[in-house]
């Protein structure tokens, strides 16, 4: 089993089972939500690519 990471502003996940959302802390005061998607296979795709604003 290998861990692969995708990054983007908006990510869509498809699977058979979704875990309960869990609040996690990011850098500083930022917060994020973590969920786990299970399936045979579970799929994820970037809907909106991540961009850096100057």
C-alpha atoms as a PDB file:
ATOM      1  CA  UNK A   1       0.000   0.000   0.000  1.00  0.00           C
ATOM      2  CA  UNK A   2       1.468   3.350  -1.014  1.00  0.00           C
ATOM      3  CA  UNK A   3       0.459   6.811   0.141  1.00  0.00           C
ATOM      4  CA  UNK A   4      -0.047   9.327  -2.636  1.00  0.00           C
ATOM      5  CA  UNK A   5      -0.985  12.973  -2.195  1.00  0.00           C
ATOM      6  CA  UNK A   6      -2.848  15.327  -4.500  1.00  0.00           C
ATOM      7  CA  UNK A   7      -3.234  19.049  -3.834  1.00  0.00           C
ATOM      8  CA  UNK A   8      -5.757  21.546  -5.139  1.00  0.00           C
ATOM      9  CA  UNK A   9      -8.258  24.217  -4.119  1.00  0.00           C
ATOM     10  CA  UNK A  10     -11.170  21.826  -4.644  1.00  0.00           C
ATOM     11  CA  UNK A  11     -10.983  18.006  -4.653  1.00  0.00           C
ATOM     12  CA  UNK A  12     -13.813  15.587  -5.471  1.00  0.00           C
ATOM     13  CA  UNK A  13     -13.767  12.095  -3.941  1.00  0.00           C
ATOM     14  CA  UNK A  14     -15.830   9.080  -4.972  1.00  0.00           C
ATOM     15  CA  UNK A  15     -16.228   5.949  -2.882  1.00  0.00           C
ATOM     16  CA  UNK A  16     -18.640   3.589  -1.184  1.00  0.00           C
ATOM     17  CA  UNK A  17     -18.120   4.711   2.413  1.00  0.00           C
ATOM     18  CA  UNK A  18     -17.278   8.132   3.883  1.00  0.00           C
ATOM     19  CA  UNK A  19     -16.062   8.624   7.449  1.00  0.00           C
ATOM     20  CA  UNK A  20     -17.384  11.197   9.887  1.00  0.00           C
ATOM     21  CA  UNK A  21     -15.755  14.629   9.305  1.00  0.00           C
ATOM     22  CA  UNK A  22     -13.050  15.461  11.846  1.00  0.00           C
ATOM     23  CA  UNK A  23     -11.697  18.938  12.627  1.00  0.00           C
ATOM     24  CA  UNK A  24      -7.891  19.182  12.457  1.00  0.00           C
ATOM     25  CA  UNK A  25      -5.567  22.130  13.004  1.00  0.00           C
ATOM     26  CA  UNK A  26      -3.347  23.466  10.255  1.00  0.00           C
ATOM     27  CA  UNK A  27      -0.645  26.121  10.492  1.00  0.00           C
ATOM     28  CA  UNK A  28      -1.399  29.038  12.795  1.00  0.00           C
ATOM     29  CA  UNK A  29      -5.102  29.496  13.531  1.00  0.00           C
ATOM     30  CA  UNK A  30      -6.256  27.790  10.327  1.00  0.00           C
ATOM     31  CA  UNK A  31      -8.540  24.771  10.653  1.00  0.00           C
ATOM     32  CA  UNK A  32      -9.353  22.030   8.189  1.00  0.00           C
ATOM     33  CA  UNK A  33     -11.668  19.041   7.908  1.00  0.00           C
ATOM     34  CA  UNK A  34     -10.384  15.512   7.395  1.00  0.00           C
ATOM     35  CA  UNK A  35     -12.487  12.657   6.012  1.00  0.00           C
ATOM     36  CA  UNK A  36     -11.615   9.179   4.809  1.00  0.00           C
ATOM     37  CA  UNK A  37     -13.233   7.746   1.668  1.00  0.00           C
ATOM     38  CA  UNK A  38     -13.255   3.974   1.174  1.00  0.00           C
ATOM     39  CA  UNK A  39     -14.108   2.041  -1.954  1.00  0.00           C
ATOM     40  CA  UNK A  40     -12.966  -0.588  -4.405  1.00  0.00           C
ATOM     41  CA  UNK A  41     -11.318   1.587  -5.693  1.00  0.00           C
ATOM     42  CA  UNK A  42     -11.788   4.974  -4.020  1.00  0.00           C
ATOM     43  CA  UNK A  43     -11.116   7.815  -6.465  1.00  0.00           C
ATOM     44  CA  UNK A  44     -10.123  11.458  -6.040  1.00  0.00           C
ATOM     45  CA  UNK A  45      -9.596  14.177  -8.616  1.00  0.00           C
ATOM     46  CA  UNK A  46      -8.694  17.839  -8.506  1.00  0.00           C
ATOM     47  CA  UNK A  47     -11.617  19.990  -9.664  1.00  0.00           C
ATOM     48  CA  UNK A  48      -9.877  23.359  -9.236  1.00  0.00           C
ATOM     49  CA  UNK A  49      -6.073  23.504  -9.320  1.00  0.00           C
ATOM     50  CA  UNK A  50      -4.185  25.240  -6.550  1.00  0.00           C
ATOM     51  CA  UNK A  51      -2.726  28.601  -7.502  1.00  0.00           C
ATOM     52  CA  UNK A  52      -0.478  31.012  -5.641  1.00  0.00           C
ATOM     53  CA  UNK A  53      -1.535  34.663  -5.596  1.00  0.00           C
ATOM     54  CA  UNK A  54       1.227  37.286  -5.629  1.00  0.00           C
END
